[in-house]
Amino acid sequence: MEQPRRFVYLIRSVADPTRHYVGLTWDVGSRLHSHNQGQSPHTARYRPWRLVVYLAFASTDSAARFAKHMKSTAGRALAERYFP
């Protein structure tokens, strides 16, 4: 049986394009919808959000490590370079 994939996603604020958010989820579409509904205190202020990129991982551990990296200075630089 195939295990469900875990996704790391990057969203950017439409209202303030200098704002972005990196998250981890099982369902990217529903998570984006919840961000745009204001259900996350970290993103409610800068709605609406648009999806920039998401990556699928076979293991939760590797997804969590990548999400943590994307929230670091080096990860933010990578996002700015490859996902402007």
N, C-alpha and C. Protein backbone atom coordinates (compact mmCIF):
# COMPACT_ATOMS: atom_id res chain seq x y z
N MET A 1 0.84 -1.19 0.00
CA MET A 1 0.00 0.00 0.00
C MET A 1 0.89 1.26 0.00
N GLU A 2 0.57 2.17 -0.89
CA GLU A 2 1.33 3.41 -1.00
C GLU A 2 0.97 4.35 0.15
N GLN A 3 2.01 4.93 0.76
CA GLN A 3 1.77 5.89 1.84
C GLN A 3 1.41 7.24 1.25
N PRO A 4 0.57 8.00 1.96
CA PRO A 4 0.23 9.33 1.46
C PRO A 4 1.46 10.23 1.44
N ARG A 5 1.49 11.12 0.49
CA ARG A 5 2.61 12.05 0.37
C ARG A 5 2.40 13.24 1.27
N ARG A 6 3.50 13.82 1.65
CA ARG A 6 3.49 15.04 2.45
C ARG A 6 4.01 16.14 1.54
N PHE A 7 3.43 17.33 1.60
CA PHE A 7 3.82 18.43 0.72
C PHE A 7 4.39 19.60 1.51
N VAL A 8 5.43 20.21 0.97
CA VAL A 8 5.95 21.48 1.46
C VAL A 8 5.51 22.49 0.41
N TYR A 9 4.91 23.59 0.86
CA TYR A 9 4.39 24.58 -0.08
C TYR A 9 4.88 25.97 0.27
N LEU A 10 4.93 26.81 -0.74
CA LEU A 10 5.29 28.21 -0.58
C LEU A 10 4.16 29.04 -1.16
N ILE A 11 3.64 29.94 -0.34
CA ILE A 11 2.59 30.86 -0.82
C ILE A 11 3.11 32.29 -0.68
N ARG A 12 2.57 33.17 -1.51
CA ARG A 12 2.95 34.59 -1.48
C ARG A 12 1.68 35.43 -1.37
N SER A 13 1.75 36.48 -0.60
CA SER A 13 0.62 37.38 -0.42
C SER A 13 0.39 38.19 -1.70
N VAL A 14 -0.85 38.25 -2.14
CA VAL A 14 -1.22 39.08 -3.28
C VAL A 14 -1.22 40.54 -2.84
N ALA A 15 -1.68 40.80 -1.62
CA ALA A 15 -1.77 42.16 -1.09
C ALA A 15 -0.39 42.77 -0.83
N ASP A 16 0.57 41.95 -0.40
CA ASP A 16 1.93 42.40 -0.11
C ASP A 16 2.91 41.34 -0.60
N PRO A 17 3.33 41.41 -1.87
CA PRO A 17 4.17 40.37 -2.46
C PRO A 17 5.52 40.16 -1.77
N THR A 18 5.90 41.03 -0.85
CA THR A 18 7.14 40.80 -0.10
C THR A 18 6.92 39.76 1.00
N ARG A 19 5.66 39.40 1.27
CA ARG A 19 5.33 38.42 2.31
C ARG A 19 5.15 37.04 1.70
N HIS A 20 5.78 36.05 2.32
CA HIS A 20 5.58 34.68 1.89
C HIS A 20 5.47 33.79 3.13
N TYR A 21 5.03 32.57 2.90
CA TYR A 21 4.86 31.61 3.99
C TYR A 21 5.19 30.23 3.46
N VAL A 22 5.91 29.47 4.26
CA VAL A 22 6.26 28.08 3.92
C VAL A 22 5.53 27.19 4.91
N GLY A 23 4.86 26.16 4.39
CA GLY A 23 4.12 25.25 5.25
C GLY A 23 4.25 23.81 4.82
N LEU A 24 3.67 22.94 5.63
CA LEU A 24 3.72 21.50 5.44
C LEU A 24 2.29 20.98 5.56
N THR A 25 1.85 20.15 4.61
CA THR A 25 0.47 19.68 4.63
C THR A 25 0.32 18.36 3.88
N TRP A 26 -0.83 17.73 4.06
CA TRP A 26 -1.22 16.55 3.28
C TRP A 26 -2.04 16.96 2.06
N ASP A 27 -2.69 18.13 2.13
CA ASP A 27 -3.62 18.57 1.09
C ASP A 27 -3.40 20.05 0.79
N VAL A 28 -2.68 20.34 -0.28
CA VAL A 28 -2.29 21.71 -0.61
C VAL A 28 -3.51 22.59 -0.90
N GLY A 29 -4.46 22.09 -1.67
CA GLY A 29 -5.64 22.89 -2.03
C GLY A 29 -6.43 23.33 -0.82
N SER A 30 -6.70 22.41 0.08
CA SER A 30 -7.45 22.77 1.28
C SER A 30 -6.68 23.69 2.19
N ARG A 31 -5.37 23.49 2.25
CA ARG A 31 -4.56 24.36 3.12
C ARG A 31 -4.53 25.78 2.57
N LEU A 32 -4.38 25.93 1.26
CA LEU A 32 -4.41 27.26 0.66
C LEU A 32 -5.76 27.93 0.92
N HIS A 33 -6.83 27.16 0.78
CA HIS A 33 -8.17 27.69 1.05
C HIS A 33 -8.27 28.18 2.50
N SER A 34 -7.74 27.42 3.45
CA SER A 34 -7.82 27.84 4.85
C SER A 34 -6.99 29.11 5.10
N HIS A 35 -5.84 29.24 4.42
CA HIS A 35 -5.06 30.49 4.55
C HIS A 35 -5.89 31.66 4.03
N ASN A 36 -6.56 31.48 2.89
CA ASN A 36 -7.33 32.57 2.30
C ASN A 36 -8.62 32.86 3.05
N GLN A 37 -9.07 31.94 3.87
CA GLN A 37 -10.25 32.17 4.72
C GLN A 37 -9.87 32.84 6.04
N GLY A 38 -8.57 33.01 6.29
CA GLY A 38 -8.11 33.66 7.51
C GLY A 38 -8.05 32.72 8.71
N GLN A 39 -8.00 31.42 8.47
CA GLN A 39 -8.00 30.45 9.55
C GLN A 39 -6.64 30.22 10.19
N SER A 40 -5.59 30.80 9.63
CA SER A 40 -4.25 30.69 10.22
C SER A 40 -3.84 32.06 10.74
N PRO A 41 -3.53 32.16 12.03
CA PRO A 41 -3.16 33.47 12.58
C PRO A 41 -1.88 34.05 11.96
N HIS A 42 -1.01 33.18 11.44
CA HIS A 42 0.24 33.65 10.84
C HIS A 42 0.04 34.29 9.47
N THR A 43 -1.05 33.97 8.80
CA THR A 43 -1.24 34.46 7.43
C THR A 43 -2.51 35.30 7.24
N ALA A 44 -3.35 35.36 8.22
CA ALA A 44 -4.65 36.04 8.07
C ALA A 44 -4.51 37.51 7.67
N ARG A 45 -3.53 38.18 8.19
CA ARG A 45 -3.38 39.61 7.96
C ARG A 45 -3.04 39.97 6.50
N TYR A 46 -2.39 39.07 5.80
CA TYR A 46 -1.88 39.40 4.46
C TYR A 46 -2.64 38.70 3.34
N ARG A 47 -3.89 38.35 3.58
CA ARG A 47 -4.72 37.71 2.55
C ARG A 47 -4.99 38.65 1.40
N PRO A 48 -5.26 38.15 0.24
CA PRO A 48 -5.28 36.76 -0.19
C PRO A 48 -3.88 36.26 -0.52
N TRP A 49 -3.76 34.93 -0.57
CA TRP A 49 -2.50 34.26 -0.87
C TRP A 49 -2.62 33.52 -2.19
N ARG A 50 -1.47 33.37 -2.87
CA ARG A 50 -1.43 32.54 -4.08
C ARG A 50 -0.33 31.51 -3.90
N LEU A 51 -0.56 30.37 -4.46
CA LEU A 51 0.40 29.28 -4.41
C LEU A 51 1.54 29.56 -5.38
N VAL A 52 2.77 29.48 -4.91
CA VAL A 52 3.94 29.69 -5.76
C VAL A 52 4.49 28.34 -6.22
N VAL A 53 4.69 27.43 -5.27
CA VAL A 53 5.24 26.12 -5.60
C VAL A 53 4.92 25.15 -4.47
N TYR A 54 4.81 23.88 -4.81
CA TYR A 54 4.74 22.85 -3.78
C TYR A 54 5.54 21.65 -4.25
N LEU A 55 6.11 20.94 -3.28
CA LEU A 55 6.94 19.78 -3.56
C LEU A 55 6.41 18.61 -2.74
N ALA A 56 6.35 17.44 -3.36
CA ALA A 56 5.87 16.23 -2.68
C ALA A 56 7.05 15.44 -2.13
N PHE A 57 6.87 14.90 -0.94
CA PHE A 57 7.88 14.07 -0.28
C PHE A 57 7.25 12.74 0.11
N ALA A 58 8.00 11.67 -0.04
CA ALA A 58 7.51 10.35 0.32
C ALA A 58 7.51 10.15 1.83
N SER A 59 8.38 10.86 2.55
CA SER A 59 8.43 10.68 4.00
C SER A 59 8.15 12.00 4.71
N THR A 60 7.47 11.90 5.83
CA THR A 60 7.17 13.07 6.64
C THR A 60 8.45 13.70 7.17
N ASP A 61 9.42 12.88 7.55
CA ASP A 61 10.68 13.40 8.09
C ASP A 61 11.43 14.26 7.08
N SER A 62 11.53 13.78 5.85
CA SER A 62 12.26 14.56 4.84
C SER A 62 11.49 15.84 4.49
N ALA A 63 10.18 15.78 4.48
CA ALA A 63 9.38 16.99 4.22
C ALA A 63 9.58 18.01 5.34
N ALA A 64 9.57 17.54 6.58
CA ALA A 64 9.75 18.45 7.72
C ALA A 64 11.14 19.09 7.70
N ARG A 65 12.15 18.30 7.36
CA ARG A 65 13.52 18.86 7.27
C ARG A 65 13.60 19.92 6.17
N PHE A 66 12.97 19.65 5.02
CA PHE A 66 13.01 20.62 3.93
C PHE A 66 12.24 21.89 4.29
N ALA A 67 11.09 21.74 4.92
CA ALA A 67 10.31 22.91 5.34
C ALA A 67 11.12 23.76 6.32
N LYS A 68 11.80 23.12 7.24
CA LYS A 68 12.63 23.84 8.20
C LYS A 68 13.75 24.59 7.47
N HIS A 69 14.36 23.94 6.49
CA HIS A 69 15.41 24.59 5.70
C HIS A 69 14.85 25.81 4.95
N MET A 70 13.67 25.67 4.37
CA MET A 70 13.07 26.77 3.60
C MET A 70 12.75 27.97 4.48
N LYS A 71 12.63 27.77 5.78
CA LYS A 71 12.37 28.87 6.70
C LYS A 71 13.65 29.52 7.20
N SER A 72 14.80 28.96 6.84
CA SER A 72 16.09 29.51 7.24
C SER A 72 16.51 30.60 6.26
N THR A 73 17.58 31.30 6.58
CA THR A 73 18.10 32.34 5.70
C THR A 73 18.48 31.75 4.33
N ALA A 74 19.15 30.61 4.34
CA ALA A 74 19.55 29.98 3.08
C ALA A 74 18.33 29.54 2.27
N GLY A 75 17.31 29.03 2.94
CA GLY A 75 16.09 28.61 2.26
C GLY A 75 15.33 29.78 1.67
N ARG A 76 15.29 30.89 2.40
CA ARG A 76 14.62 32.09 1.86
C ARG A 76 15.35 32.59 0.62
N ALA A 77 16.70 32.53 0.65
CA ALA A 77 17.48 32.95 -0.51
C ALA A 77 17.19 32.03 -1.70
N LEU A 78 17.08 30.74 -1.44
CA LEU A 78 16.77 29.78 -2.50
C LEU A 78 15.39 30.09 -3.10
N ALA A 79 14.41 30.36 -2.25
CA ALA A 79 13.06 30.68 -2.72
C ALA A 79 13.06 31.95 -3.56
N GLU A 80 13.78 32.97 -3.11
CA GLU A 80 13.82 34.22 -3.87
C GLU A 80 14.48 34.03 -5.24
N ARG A 81 15.49 33.16 -5.28
CA ARG A 81 16.20 32.94 -6.53
C ARG A 81 15.40 32.12 -7.52
N TYR A 82 14.78 31.03 -7.05
CA TYR A 82 14.12 30.11 -7.96
C TYR A 82 12.60 30.30 -8.10
N PHE A 83 11.99 30.99 -7.15
CA PHE A 83 10.54 31.19 -7.19
C PHE A 83 10.21 32.66 -6.98
N PRO A 84 10.67 33.52 -7.88
CA PRO A 84 10.46 34.98 -7.70
C PRO A 84 9.00 35.39 -7.78
